[in-house]
PDB file of all heavy atoms in Angstrom:
ATOM      1  N   ILE A   1       2.615   0.952  -0.569  1.00  0.00           N
ATOM      2  CA  ILE A   1       2.521   1.314   0.841  1.00  0.00           C
ATOM      3  C   ILE A   1       2.399   2.838   1.072  1.00  0.00           C
ATOM      4  O   ILE A   1       2.468   3.325   2.260  1.00  0.00           O
ATOM      5  CB  ILE A   1       3.906   0.774   1.702  1.00  0.00           C
ATOM      6  CG1 ILE A   1       5.153   1.533   1.031  1.00  0.00           C
ATOM      7  CG2 ILE A   1       3.992  -0.558   1.654  1.00  0.00           C
ATOM      8  CD1 ILE A   1       6.392   1.217   1.918  1.00  0.00           C
ATOM      9  N   ASN A   2       2.044   3.541  -0.026  1.00  0.00           N
ATOM     10  CA  ASN A   2       1.772   4.972   0.098  1.00  0.00           C
ATOM     11  C   ASN A   2       0.822   5.358  -0.971  1.00  0.00           C
ATOM     12  O   ASN A   2       0.614   4.531  -1.983  1.00  0.00           O
ATOM     13  CB  ASN A   2       3.028   5.884   0.028  1.00  0.00           C
ATOM     14  CG  ASN A   2       3.864   5.681  -1.155  1.00  0.00           C
ATOM     15  OD1 ASN A   2       3.376   6.045  -2.265  1.00  0.00           O
ATOM     16  ND2 ASN A   2       4.987   5.263  -1.128  1.00  0.00           N
ATOM     17  N   GLU A   3       0.305   6.533  -0.906  1.00  0.00           N
ATOM     18  CA  GLU A   3      -0.866   6.902  -1.801  1.00  0.00           C
ATOM     19  C   GLU A   3      -0.398   7.212  -3.200  1.00  0.00           C
ATOM     20  O   GLU A   3      -1.084   6.819  -4.152  1.00  0.00           O
ATOM     21  CB  GLU A   3      -1.637   8.118  -1.168  1.00  0.00           C
ATOM     22  CG  GLU A   3      -2.807   8.578  -2.061  1.00  0.00           C
ATOM     23  CD  GLU A   3      -3.923   7.492  -1.990  1.00  0.00           C
ATOM     24  OE1 GLU A   3      -3.983   6.641  -1.092  1.00  0.00           O
ATOM     25  OE2 GLU A   3      -4.828   7.573  -2.845  1.00  0.00           O
ATOM     26  N   GLU A   4       0.828   7.792  -3.355  1.00  0.00           N
ATOM     27  CA  GLU A   4       1.278   8.117  -4.651  1.00  0.00           C
ATOM     28  C   GLU A   4       1.535   6.932  -5.414  1.00  0.00           C
ATOM     29  O   GLU A   4       1.135   6.858  -6.659  1.00  0.00           O
ATOM     30  CB  GLU A   4       2.508   9.102  -4.490  1.00  0.00           C
ATOM     31  CG  GLU A   4       3.042   9.431  -5.953  1.00  0.00           C
ATOM     32  CD  GLU A   4       4.344  10.329  -5.816  1.00  0.00           C
ATOM     33  OE1 GLU A   4       4.360  11.253  -4.770  1.00  0.00           O
ATOM     34  OE2 GLU A   4       5.268  10.150  -6.696  1.00  0.00           O
ATOM     35  N   ASP A   5       2.312   5.902  -4.888  1.00  0.00           N
ATOM     36  CA  ASP A   5       2.464   4.675  -5.502  1.00  0.00           C
ATOM     37  C   ASP A   5       1.186   3.937  -5.834  1.00  0.00           C
ATOM     38  O   ASP A   5       1.182   3.302  -6.958  1.00  0.00           O
ATOM     39  CB  ASP A   5       3.511   3.803  -4.773  1.00  0.00           C
ATOM     40  CG  ASP A   5       4.823   4.309  -4.727  1.00  0.00           C
ATOM     41  OD1 ASP A   5       5.201   5.201  -5.521  1.00  0.00           O
ATOM     42  OD2 ASP A   5       5.731   3.776  -3.950  1.00  0.00           O
ATOM     43  N   TYR A   6       0.234   4.022  -5.012  1.00  0.00           N
ATOM     44  CA  TYR A   6      -0.935   3.268  -5.138  1.00  0.00           C
ATOM     45  C   TYR A   6      -1.688   3.763  -6.396  1.00  0.00           C
ATOM     46  O   TYR A   6      -2.122   3.107  -7.300  1.00  0.00           O
ATOM     47  CB  TYR A   6      -1.856   3.461  -3.970  1.00  0.00           C
ATOM     48  CG  TYR A   6      -3.283   2.780  -4.159  1.00  0.00           C
ATOM     49  CD1 TYR A   6      -3.433   1.357  -4.301  1.00  0.00           C
ATOM     50  CD2 TYR A   6      -4.311   3.618  -4.304  1.00  0.00           C
ATOM     51  CE1 TYR A   6      -4.655   0.779  -4.469  1.00  0.00           C
ATOM     52  CE2 TYR A   6      -5.599   3.078  -4.532  1.00  0.00           C
ATOM     53  CZ  TYR A   6      -5.729   1.741  -4.632  1.00  0.00           C
ATOM     54  OH  TYR A   6      -6.990   1.226  -4.811  1.00  0.00           O
ATOM     55  N   ARG A   7      -1.684   5.177  -6.506  1.00  0.00           N
ATOM     56  CA  ARG A   7      -2.481   5.731  -7.581  1.00  0.00           C
ATOM     57  C   ARG A   7      -1.851   5.478  -8.987  1.00  0.00           C
ATOM     58  O   ARG A   7      -2.424   5.261  -9.936  1.00  0.00           O
ATOM     59  CB  ARG A   7      -2.524   7.309  -7.551  1.00  0.00           C
ATOM     60  CG  ARG A   7      -3.490   7.671  -6.245  1.00  0.00           C
ATOM     61  CD  ARG A   7      -3.461   9.192  -6.109  1.00  0.00           C
ATOM     62  NE  ARG A   7      -4.393   9.601  -5.022  1.00  0.00           N
ATOM     63  CZ  ARG A   7      -5.661   9.831  -5.179  1.00  0.00           C
ATOM     64  NH1 ARG A   7      -6.383   9.720  -6.315  1.00  0.00           N
ATOM     65  NH2 ARG A   7      -6.352  10.208  -4.113  1.00  0.00           N
ATOM     66  N   ARG A   8      -0.411   5.552  -8.905  1.00  0.00           N
ATOM     67  CA  ARG A   8       0.317   5.301 -10.193  1.00  0.00           C
ATOM     68  C   ARG A   8       0.216   3.779 -10.596  1.00  0.00           C
ATOM     69  O   ARG A   8       0.006   3.539 -11.742  1.00  0.00           O
ATOM     70  CB  ARG A   8       1.760   5.703 -10.000  1.00  0.00           C
ATOM     71  CG  ARG A   8       2.609   5.553 -11.178  1.00  0.00           C
ATOM     72  CD  ARG A   8       3.945   6.408 -11.131  1.00  0.00           C
ATOM     73  NE  ARG A   8       3.556   7.710 -11.322  1.00  0.00           N
ATOM     74  CZ  ARG A   8       3.909   8.812 -10.535  1.00  0.00           C
ATOM     75  NH1 ARG A   8       4.626   8.474  -9.337  1.00  0.00           N
ATOM     76  NH2 ARG A   8       3.665  10.024 -10.793  1.00  0.00           N
ATOM     77  N   ALA A   9       0.284   2.857  -9.503  1.00  0.00           N
ATOM     78  CA  ALA A   9       0.147   1.382  -9.794  1.00  0.00           C
ATOM     79  C   ALA A   9      -1.158   1.048 -10.425  1.00  0.00           C
ATOM     80  O   ALA A   9      -1.333   0.214 -11.255  1.00  0.00           O
ATOM     81  CB  ALA A   9       0.452   0.643  -8.652  1.00  0.00           C
ATOM     82  N   CYS A  10      -2.231   1.926 -10.040  1.00  0.00           N
ATOM     83  CA  CYS A  10      -3.654   1.593 -10.481  1.00  0.00           C
ATOM     84  C   CYS A  10      -3.690   1.814 -12.081  1.00  0.00           C
ATOM     85  O   CYS A  10      -4.706   1.450 -12.669  1.00  0.00           O
ATOM     86  CB  CYS A  10      -4.564   2.398  -9.722  1.00  0.00           C
ATOM     87  SG  CYS A  10      -4.978   1.743  -8.148  1.00  0.00           S
ATOM     88  N   THR A  11      -2.731   2.559 -12.576  1.00  0.00           N
ATOM     89  CA  THR A  11      -2.765   2.842 -14.041  1.00  0.00           C
ATOM     90  C   THR A  11      -1.987   1.670 -14.828  1.00  0.00           C
ATOM     91  O   THR A  11      -2.047   1.694 -16.056  1.00  0.00           O
ATOM     92  CB  THR A  11      -2.088   4.208 -14.419  1.00  0.00           C
ATOM     93  OG1 THR A  11      -0.724   4.206 -14.152  1.00  0.00           O
ATOM     94  CG2 THR A  11      -2.723   5.354 -13.535  1.00  0.00           C
ATOM     95  N   PHE A  12      -1.369   0.798 -14.144  1.00  0.00           N
ATOM     96  CA  PHE A  12      -0.601  -0.217 -14.884  1.00  0.00           C
ATOM     97  C   PHE A  12      -1.590  -1.395 -15.433  1.00  0.00           C
ATOM     98  O   PHE A  12      -2.638  -1.596 -14.728  1.00  0.00           O
ATOM     99  CB  PHE A  12       0.299  -0.894 -13.889  1.00  0.00           C
ATOM    100  CG  PHE A  12       1.504   0.011 -13.464  1.00  0.00           C
ATOM    101  CD1 PHE A  12       2.330  -0.525 -12.446  1.00  0.00           C
ATOM    102  CD2 PHE A  12       1.805   1.139 -13.921  1.00  0.00           C
ATOM    103  CE1 PHE A  12       3.456   0.275 -11.981  1.00  0.00           C
ATOM    104  CE2 PHE A  12       2.789   1.986 -13.484  1.00  0.00           C
ATOM    105  CZ  PHE A  12       3.643   1.611 -12.551  1.00  0.00           C
ATOM    106  N   PRO A  13      -1.241  -1.907 -16.486  1.00  0.00           N
ATOM    107  CA  PRO A  13      -2.019  -3.032 -17.063  1.00  0.00           C
ATOM    108  C   PRO A  13      -1.688  -4.359 -16.290  1.00  0.00           C
ATOM    109  O   PRO A  13      -1.156  -5.356 -16.786  1.00  0.00           O
ATOM    110  CB  PRO A  13      -1.507  -3.231 -18.443  1.00  0.00           C
ATOM    111  CG  PRO A  13       0.017  -2.741 -18.478  1.00  0.00           C
ATOM    112  CD  PRO A  13      -0.071  -1.650 -17.250  1.00  0.00           C
ATOM    113  N   ILE A  14      -2.191  -4.406 -15.109  1.00  0.00           N
ATOM    114  CA  ILE A  14      -1.807  -5.552 -14.146  1.00  0.00           C
ATOM    115  C   ILE A  14      -2.577  -6.823 -14.416  1.00  0.00           C
ATOM    116  O   ILE A  14      -3.750  -6.658 -14.761  1.00  0.00           O
ATOM    117  CB  ILE A  14      -1.836  -5.034 -12.648  1.00  0.00           C
ATOM    118  CG1 ILE A  14      -1.317  -6.170 -11.765  1.00  0.00           C
ATOM    119  CG2 ILE A  14      -3.398  -4.838 -12.355  1.00  0.00           C
ATOM    120  CD1 ILE A  14      -1.045  -5.626 -10.251  1.00  0.00           C
ATOM    121  N   ARG A  15      -1.919  -7.926 -14.260  1.00  0.00           N
ATOM    122  CA  ARG A  15      -2.581  -9.246 -14.437  1.00  0.00           C
ATOM    123  C   ARG A  15      -3.634  -9.382 -13.312  1.00  0.00           C
ATOM    124  O   ARG A  15      -4.813 -10.026 -13.641  1.00  0.00           O
ATOM    125  CB  ARG A  15      -1.724 -10.260 -14.382  1.00  0.00           C
ATOM    126  CG  ARG A  15      -2.396 -11.780 -14.586  1.00  0.00           C
ATOM    127  CD  ARG A  15      -1.284 -12.714 -14.928  1.00  0.00           C
ATOM    128  NE  ARG A  15      -0.317 -13.061 -13.623  1.00  0.00           N
ATOM    129  CZ  ARG A  15       0.870 -13.653 -13.787  1.00  0.00           C
ATOM    130  NH1 ARG A  15       1.324 -14.091 -14.926  1.00  0.00           N
ATOM    131  NH2 ARG A  15       1.510 -13.853 -12.638  1.00  0.00           N
ATOM    132  N   GLY A  16      -3.397  -8.983 -12.114  1.00  0.00           N
ATOM    133  CA  GLY A  16      -4.271  -9.188 -10.978  1.00  0.00           C
ATOM    134  C   GLY A  16      -4.810  -7.909 -10.484  1.00  0.00           C
ATOM    135  O   GLY A  16      -5.693  -7.174 -11.101  1.00  0.00           O
ATOM    136  N   ARG A  17      -4.413  -7.584  -9.333  1.00  0.00           N
ATOM    137  CA  ARG A  17      -4.960  -6.471  -8.585  1.00  0.00           C
ATOM    138  C   ARG A  17      -3.989  -5.590  -7.860  1.00  0.00           C
ATOM    139  O   ARG A  17      -2.827  -5.929  -7.753  1.00  0.00           O
ATOM    140  CB  ARG A  17      -6.099  -6.869  -7.637  1.00  0.00           C
ATOM    141  CG  ARG A  17      -5.576  -7.617  -6.477  1.00  0.00           C
ATOM    142  CD  ARG A  17      -6.566  -8.184  -5.623  1.00  0.00           C
ATOM    143  NE  ARG A  17      -6.063  -8.781  -4.472  1.00  0.00           N
ATOM    144  CZ  ARG A  17      -5.549  -9.987  -4.279  1.00  0.00           C
ATOM    145  NH1 ARG A  17      -5.380 -10.714  -5.451  1.00  0.00           N
ATOM    146  NH2 ARG A  17      -5.058 -10.452  -3.253  1.00  0.00           N
ATOM    147  N   VAL A  18      -4.228  -4.294  -7.598  1.00  0.00           N
ATOM    148  CA  VAL A  18      -3.341  -3.488  -6.808  1.00  0.00           C
ATOM    149  C   VAL A  18      -4.000  -3.252  -5.444  1.00  0.00           C
ATOM    150  O   VAL A  18      -5.165  -2.958  -5.309  1.00  0.00           O
ATOM    151  CB  VAL A  18      -3.182  -2.013  -7.470  1.00  0.00           C
ATOM    152  CG1 VAL A  18      -2.291  -1.142  -6.685  1.00  0.00           C
ATOM    153  CG2 VAL A  18      -2.639  -2.284  -8.903  1.00  0.00           C
ATOM    154  N   GLU A  19      -3.169  -3.269  -4.401  1.00  0.00           N
ATOM    155  CA  GLU A  19      -3.605  -3.097  -3.060  1.00  0.00           C
ATOM    156  C   GLU A  19      -2.655  -2.060  -2.348  1.00  0.00           C
ATOM    157  O   GLU A  19      -1.585  -1.901  -2.735  1.00  0.00           O
ATOM    158  CB  GLU A  19      -3.460  -4.468  -2.182  1.00  0.00           C
ATOM    159  CG  GLU A  19      -4.346  -5.549  -2.730  1.00  0.00           C
ATOM    160  CD  GLU A  19      -5.768  -5.590  -2.207  1.00  0.00           C
ATOM    161  OE1 GLU A  19      -6.171  -4.499  -1.527  1.00  0.00           O
ATOM    162  OE2 GLU A  19      -6.569  -6.513  -2.524  1.00  0.00           O
ATOM    163  N   LYS A  20      -3.230  -1.461  -1.335  1.00  0.00           N
ATOM    164  CA  LYS A  20      -2.411  -0.500  -0.560  1.00  0.00           C
ATOM    165  C   LYS A  20      -2.484  -0.952   0.968  1.00  0.00           C
ATOM    166  O   LYS A  20      -3.568  -1.130   1.427  1.00  0.00           O
ATOM    167  CB  LYS A  20      -2.903   0.942  -0.703  1.00  0.00           C
ATOM    168  CG  LYS A  20      -1.967   1.832   0.012  1.00  0.00           C
ATOM    169  CD  LYS A  20      -2.317   3.293  -0.156  1.00  0.00           C
ATOM    170  CE  LYS A  20      -3.298   3.646   0.914  1.00  0.00           C
ATOM    171  NZ  LYS A  20      -3.438   5.128   1.101  1.00  0.00           N
ATOM    172  N   ILE A  21      -1.388  -1.087   1.639  1.00  0.00           N
ATOM    173  CA  ILE A  21      -1.328  -1.331   3.087  1.00  0.00           C
ATOM    174  C   ILE A  21      -0.624  -0.206   3.732  1.00  0.00           C
ATOM    175  O   ILE A  21       0.073   0.651   3.233  1.00  0.00           O
ATOM    176  CB  ILE A  21      -0.628  -2.779   3.315  1.00  0.00           C
ATOM    177  CG1 ILE A  21       0.923  -2.623   2.871  1.00  0.00           C
ATOM    178  CG2 ILE A  21      -1.333  -3.804   2.520  1.00  0.00           C
ATOM    179  CD1 ILE A  21       1.656  -3.820   3.270  1.00  0.00           C
ATOM    180  N   SER A  22      -0.710  -0.272   5.147  1.00  0.00           N
ATOM    181  CA  SER A  22      -0.113   0.813   5.971  1.00  0.00           C
ATOM    182  C   SER A  22       1.324   0.500   6.301  1.00  0.00           C
ATOM    183  O   SER A  22       1.788   0.571   7.392  1.00  0.00           O
ATOM    184  CB  SER A  22      -0.952   0.860   7.266  1.00  0.00           C
ATOM    185  OG  SER A  22      -2.266   1.117   6.949  1.00  0.00           O
ATOM    186  N   GLY A  23       2.174   0.287   5.210  1.00  0.00           N
ATOM    187  CA  GLY A  23       3.498   0.077   5.372  1.00  0.00           C
ATOM    188  C   GLY A  23       3.857  -1.410   5.926  1.00  0.00           C
ATOM    189  O   GLY A  23       3.098  -2.371   5.808  1.00  0.00           O
ATOM    190  N   VAL A  24       4.959  -1.452   6.622  1.00  0.00           N
ATOM    191  CA  VAL A  24       5.300  -2.850   7.202  1.00  0.00           C
ATOM    192  C   VAL A  24       4.844  -2.894   8.614  1.00  0.00           C
ATOM    193  O   VAL A  24       4.910  -3.977   9.204  1.00  0.00           O
ATOM    194  CB  VAL A  24       6.957  -3.012   7.135  1.00  0.00           C
ATOM    195  CG1 VAL A  24       7.384  -3.159   5.738  1.00  0.00           C
ATOM    196  CG2 VAL A  24       7.650  -1.892   7.992  1.00  0.00           C
ATOM    197  N   GLY A  25       4.218  -1.887   9.180  1.00  0.00           N
ATOM    198  CA  GLY A  25       3.661  -1.806  10.474  1.00  0.00           C
ATOM    199  C   GLY A  25       4.688  -1.584  11.507  1.00  0.00           C
ATOM    200  O   GLY A  25       5.872  -1.752  11.338  1.00  0.00           O
ATOM    201  N   ILE A  26       4.124  -1.077  12.668  1.00  0.00           N
ATOM    202  CA  ILE A  26       5.069  -0.884  13.854  1.00  0.00           C
ATOM    203  C   ILE A  26       4.119  -1.208  15.011  1.00  0.00           C
ATOM    204  O   ILE A  26       3.068  -1.088  15.220  1.00  0.00           O
ATOM    205  CB  ILE A  26       5.400   0.645  13.821  1.00  0.00           C
ATOM    206  CG1 ILE A  26       6.448   0.931  15.012  1.00  0.00           C
ATOM    207  CG2 ILE A  26       4.223   1.565  13.940  1.00  0.00           C
ATOM    208  CD1 ILE A  26       7.160   2.184  14.875  1.00  0.00           C
ATOM    209  N   GLN A  27       4.936  -1.901  15.992  1.00  0.00           N
ATOM    210  CA  GLN A  27       4.259  -2.306  17.235  1.00  0.00           C
ATOM    211  C   GLN A  27       4.011  -1.081  18.110  1.00  0.00           C
ATOM    212  O   GLN A  27       4.881  -0.248  18.419  1.00  0.00           O
ATOM    213  CB  GLN A  27       5.173  -3.258  18.002  1.00  0.00           C
ATOM    214  CG  GLN A  27       4.553  -3.850  19.172  1.00  0.00           C
ATOM    215  CD  GLN A  27       3.493  -4.860  18.803  1.00  0.00           C
ATOM    216  OE1 GLN A  27       3.559  -5.646  17.966  1.00  0.00           O
ATOM    217  NE2 GLN A  27       2.369  -4.701  19.537  1.00  0.00           N
ATOM    218  N   VAL A  28       2.746  -0.987  18.385  1.00  0.00           N
ATOM    219  CA  VAL A  28       2.341   0.314  19.313  1.00  0.00           C
ATOM    220  C   VAL A  28       1.861  -0.309  20.574  1.00  0.00           C
ATOM    221  O   VAL A  28       0.872  -1.109  20.657  1.00  0.00           O
ATOM    222  CB  VAL A  28       1.154   1.078  18.578  1.00  0.00           C
ATOM    223  CG1 VAL A  28       0.803   2.189  19.521  1.00  0.00           C
ATOM    224  CG2 VAL A  28       1.672   1.533  17.275  1.00  0.00           C
ATOM    225  N   ASN A  29       2.473   0.027  21.728  1.00  0.00           N
ATOM    226  CA  ASN A  29       2.153  -0.611  22.962  1.00  0.00           C
ATOM    227  C   ASN A  29       1.488   0.457  23.819  1.00  0.00           C
ATOM    228  O   ASN A  29       1.525   1.707  23.637  1.00  0.00           O
ATOM    229  CB  ASN A  29       3.314  -1.175  23.689  1.00  0.00           C
ATOM    230  CG  ASN A  29       4.566  -0.217  23.870  1.00  0.00           C
ATOM    231  OD1 ASN A  29       4.366   0.856  24.375  1.00  0.00           O
ATOM    232  ND2 ASN A  29       5.730  -0.496  23.344  1.00  0.00           N
ATOM    233  N   VAL A  30       0.841   0.098  24.901  1.00  0.00           N
ATOM    234  CA  VAL A  30      -0.047   1.009  25.671  1.00  0.00           C
ATOM    235  C   VAL A  30       0.967   1.943  26.460  1.00  0.00           C
ATOM    236  O   VAL A  30       0.657   3.158  26.573  1.00  0.00           O
ATOM    237  CB  VAL A  30      -0.806   0.235  26.777  1.00  0.00           C
ATOM    238  CG1 VAL A  30      -1.483   1.142  27.731  1.00  0.00           C
ATOM    239  CG2 VAL A  30      -1.750  -0.764  26.064  1.00  0.00           C
ATOM    240  N   GLU A  31       2.152   1.434  26.913  1.00  0.00           N
ATOM    241  CA  GLU A  31       3.002   2.270  27.624  1.00  0.00           C
ATOM    242  C   GLU A  31       3.440   3.488  26.839  1.00  0.00           C
ATOM    243  O   GLU A  31       3.518   4.606  27.314  1.00  0.00           O
ATOM    244  CB  GLU A  31       4.209   1.516  28.055  1.00  0.00           C
ATOM    245  CG  GLU A  31       5.217   2.304  28.920  1.00  0.00           C
ATOM    246  CD  GLU A  31       6.466   1.502  29.371  1.00  0.00           C
ATOM    247  OE1 GLU A  31       6.285   0.396  29.796  1.00  0.00           O
ATOM    248  OE2 GLU A  31       7.575   1.968  29.043  1.00  0.00           O
TER     249      GLU A  31
END
Protein backbone atom coordinates (compact mmCIF):
# COMPACT_ATOMS: atom_id res chain seq x y z
CA ILE A 1 0.00 0.00 0.00
CA ASN A 2 2.99 2.32 -0.27
CA GLU A 3 5.89 2.87 -2.65
CA GLU A 4 8.71 1.79 -0.33
CA ASP A 5 7.10 -1.56 0.48
CA TYR A 6 6.25 -2.11 -3.18
CA ARG A 7 9.83 -1.58 -4.32
CA ARG A 8 11.17 -3.89 -1.62
CA ALA A 9 8.56 -6.60 -2.29
CA CYS A 10 9.49 -6.58 -5.98
CA THR A 11 12.91 -7.94 -4.97
CA PHE A 12 11.37 -11.00 -3.26
CA PRO A 13 11.36 -14.40 -5.04
CA ILE A 14 7.55 -14.42 -5.12
CA ARG A 15 5.54 -17.34 -6.50
CA GLY A 16 3.06 -14.98 -8.12
CA ARG A 17 3.10 -11.21 -8.48
CA VAL A 18 3.42 -7.97 -6.49
CA GLU A 19 0.73 -5.28 -6.68
CA LYS A 20 0.34 -1.82 -5.15
CA ILE A 21 -3.00 -0.29 -4.22
CA SER A 22 -3.97 3.07 -2.75
CA GLY A 23 -4.40 1.79 0.80
CA VAL A 24 -7.72 0.59 2.16
CA GLY A 25 -9.48 3.56 0.58
CA ILE A 26 -11.52 6.37 2.03
CA GLN A 27 -15.00 7.56 1.15
CA VAL A 28 -14.77 10.96 -0.49
CA ASN A 29 -18.07 12.78 -0.82
CA VAL A 30 -19.02 15.91 -2.70
CA GLU A 31 -19.93 17.87 0.43
